[in-house]
Amino acid sequence: MRMTELLKIIEDNGKGVRAYSECGQAARECIKTQPNQAVSYYLLSIAADRFVDTYDDQPLLSQGAEDVFQSFKSYVDQLAATEQESDAAKKLQVLNQVATEIAEDKFLRPAE
C-alpha cells in the first residue's frame, strides 16, 4: 500500500473517527510490509491515532474534519515525496519536520 492510499481510506469512510482508526491500523500493517518506509508509516499511524483519541468522545463539525484531513494530507504528501529519496539527510529532515508538525498540530490535541 502506498502512503497516498491512506488518504483514500479516510475519504471513503467519511473522514470520521472510524476512518482514522482504519487508517492507523493500515499504516501499522505497512510498517511490517514496507520496512524502508517504517518510520513514515509509524508517524502517520501516530497522527491517525491522535485523531481518534481526540475526537472519539466528542462531536466534530464538518469544517473541523476537513481541516484535520488537510493537515493529515500534508503529512502524507511530505512523507510520500521521500519514498524515492536517496539522500538520507534530506529524508531525515522531512521525517523530523513531519514529526514536529504532528506533535504541534492543534487539531490533534484534546481540548484542555
Protein backbone atom coordinates (compact mmCIF):
# COMPACT_ATOMS: atom_id res chain seq x y z
CA MET A 1 0.00 0.00 0.00
CA ARG A 2 1.25 3.46 -0.90
CA MET A 3 1.02 6.27 1.62
CA THR A 4 -1.44 8.14 -0.56
CA GLU A 5 -3.83 5.20 -0.30
CA LEU A 6 -4.22 6.01 3.39
CA LEU A 7 -5.96 9.22 2.32
CA LYS A 8 -8.45 7.20 0.30
CA ILE A 9 -9.29 5.13 3.39
CA ILE A 10 -10.13 8.32 5.26
CA GLU A 11 -12.12 9.84 2.40
CA ASP A 12 -14.04 6.63 1.65
CA ASN A 13 -15.05 6.36 5.30
CA GLY A 14 -16.34 9.88 5.79
CA LYS A 15 -13.29 11.49 7.44
CA GLY A 16 -14.55 10.46 10.87
CA VAL A 17 -13.14 8.61 13.85
CA ARG A 18 -13.64 5.16 12.31
CA ALA A 19 -11.89 6.31 9.13
CA TYR A 20 -8.80 7.39 11.05
CA SER A 21 -8.91 4.25 13.16
CA GLU A 22 -8.84 2.13 10.00
CA CYS A 23 -6.13 4.34 8.53
CA GLY A 24 -3.95 3.95 11.63
CA GLN A 25 -4.36 0.19 11.50
CA ALA A 26 -3.45 0.12 7.80
CA ALA A 27 -0.38 2.28 8.47
CA ARG A 28 0.77 -0.12 11.21
CA GLU A 29 0.39 -3.06 8.81
CA CYS A 30 2.54 -1.20 6.28
CA ILE A 31 5.32 -0.94 8.85
CA LYS A 32 5.66 -4.72 8.62
CA THR A 33 5.46 -4.96 4.85
CA GLN A 34 7.47 -1.86 3.90
CA PRO A 35 10.37 -1.62 6.33
CA ASN A 36 12.17 1.02 4.25
CA GLN A 37 9.29 3.39 4.98
CA ALA A 38 8.53 2.16 8.50
CA VAL A 39 9.19 5.49 10.21
CA SER A 40 6.93 7.33 7.77
CA TYR A 41 4.09 4.87 8.34
CA TYR A 42 4.68 5.00 12.08
CA LEU A 43 4.33 8.79 12.09
CA LEU A 44 1.13 8.56 10.08
CA SER A 45 -0.25 5.93 12.46
CA ILE A 46 0.50 8.26 15.38
CA ALA A 47 -1.33 11.13 13.68
CA ALA A 48 -4.33 8.92 12.91
CA ASP A 49 -4.42 7.52 16.44
CA ARG A 50 -4.22 11.01 17.94
CA PHE A 51 -7.25 11.98 15.87
CA VAL A 52 -9.14 9.00 17.26
CA ASP A 53 -8.07 9.80 20.83
CA THR A 54 -9.03 13.46 20.45
CA TYR A 55 -12.40 13.12 18.74
CA ASP A 56 -13.70 9.71 19.80
CA ASP A 57 -15.95 11.09 22.51
CA GLN A 58 -16.89 14.47 21.10
CA PRO A 59 -18.59 15.88 18.02
CA LEU A 60 -16.57 17.20 15.13
CA LEU A 61 -18.04 19.72 12.72
CA SER A 62 -17.59 19.06 9.01
CA GLN A 63 -15.21 22.03 8.64
CA GLY A 64 -13.14 20.67 11.51
CA ALA A 65 -12.99 17.26 9.85
CA GLU A 66 -11.83 18.90 6.63
CA ASP A 67 -9.17 20.92 8.48
CA VAL A 68 -7.82 17.79 10.14
CA PHE A 69 -7.87 15.94 6.83
CA GLN A 70 -5.85 18.71 5.16
CA SER A 71 -3.25 18.52 7.93
CA PHE A 72 -3.05 14.74 7.61
CA LYS A 73 -2.81 15.06 3.83
CA SER A 74 0.13 17.45 4.19
CA TYR A 75 1.96 14.81 6.28
CA VAL A 76 1.25 12.14 3.68
CA ASP A 77 2.38 14.42 0.84
CA GLN A 78 5.63 15.31 2.56
CA LEU A 79 6.44 11.73 3.52
CA ALA A 80 5.42 10.28 0.15
CA ALA A 81 7.85 12.67 -1.52
CA THR A 82 10.69 10.96 0.35
CA GLU A 83 9.84 7.43 -0.81
CA GLN A 84 12.41 7.55 -3.60
CA GLU A 85 14.82 9.95 -1.85
CA SER A 86 18.36 8.59 -1.85
CA ASP A 87 19.84 11.36 0.32
CA ALA A 88 19.48 10.15 3.90
CA ALA A 89 19.98 13.64 5.33
CA LYS A 90 17.11 15.06 3.27
CA LYS A 91 14.87 12.15 4.24
CA LEU A 92 15.72 12.60 7.91
CA GLN A 93 15.00 16.31 7.64
CA VAL A 94 11.50 15.60 6.29
CA LEU A 95 10.86 12.93 8.94
CA ASN A 96 11.86 15.37 11.68
CA GLN A 97 9.73 18.14 10.18
CA VAL A 98 6.64 15.95 9.96
CA ALA A 99 7.19 14.59 13.49
CA THR A 100 7.36 18.17 14.78
CA GLU A 101 4.22 19.17 12.88
CA ILE A 102 2.30 16.19 14.27
CA ALA A 103 3.44 16.97 17.80
CA GLU A 104 2.34 20.60 17.45
CA ASP A 105 -0.86 20.00 15.44
CA LYS A 106 -3.66 21.92 17.17
CA PHE A 107 -6.27 19.63 15.60
CA LEU A 108 -4.72 16.52 17.11
CA ARG A 109 -4.74 17.67 20.70
CA PRO A 110 -7.50 17.06 23.19
CA ALA A 111 -9.22 20.21 24.43
CA GLU A 112 -7.64 21.42 27.61
